[in-house]
């Protein structure tokens, strides 16, 4: 498949769901182990909104996976779990990137970089209340939600303006305008 050939379904204007993009079974298990290791390469942090404010509007934990793309330069000092995590991310990232290119092509969208990738972790009762991903202080124009697991209650992605609800399905990616 050439870059940008991922096929999705437009469920509302400019809201596209791409299914079966990746398998994150090993990645998820390995990420959780890595973040729970006190000496791990990555860790969970409390999510924030806007300019870094901790609030009840977003009660999840998150972990930036951006360092995994550059971590190979430290390969001599990384443990086997971290190396596996890097290998898994390096298989998943190009597939997500293909979705971005496909979306860009479909909507003639020019992007000037990204703000990185974070895995969000929600436990019982945690939530991310209604929000816009674009606002003062960021130039975000495209947002992605990648579901790395499913089989739980809640977690739907809701677009009330269009009366659209996307139910989590492991390996799917939802792309939409940040505003």
Foldseek 3Di string as FASTA:
>chain_A
DDQQPQDWDDPDVQKTKGAQLAACPLLVVLVVVQQVDPPHPKHWDFDADDPRHRDLLFGWIKIFPVCLVVCVVVVVPHDPSSVVNSVRCVVRVSSVSSNVSNSCVVVVDDDDDDPGDMDIDDDPPGDNHDDFQDDPPDPAFKDKDAQQDADDPDDWDADVVGRDIHHGDHNMMIMGTRD
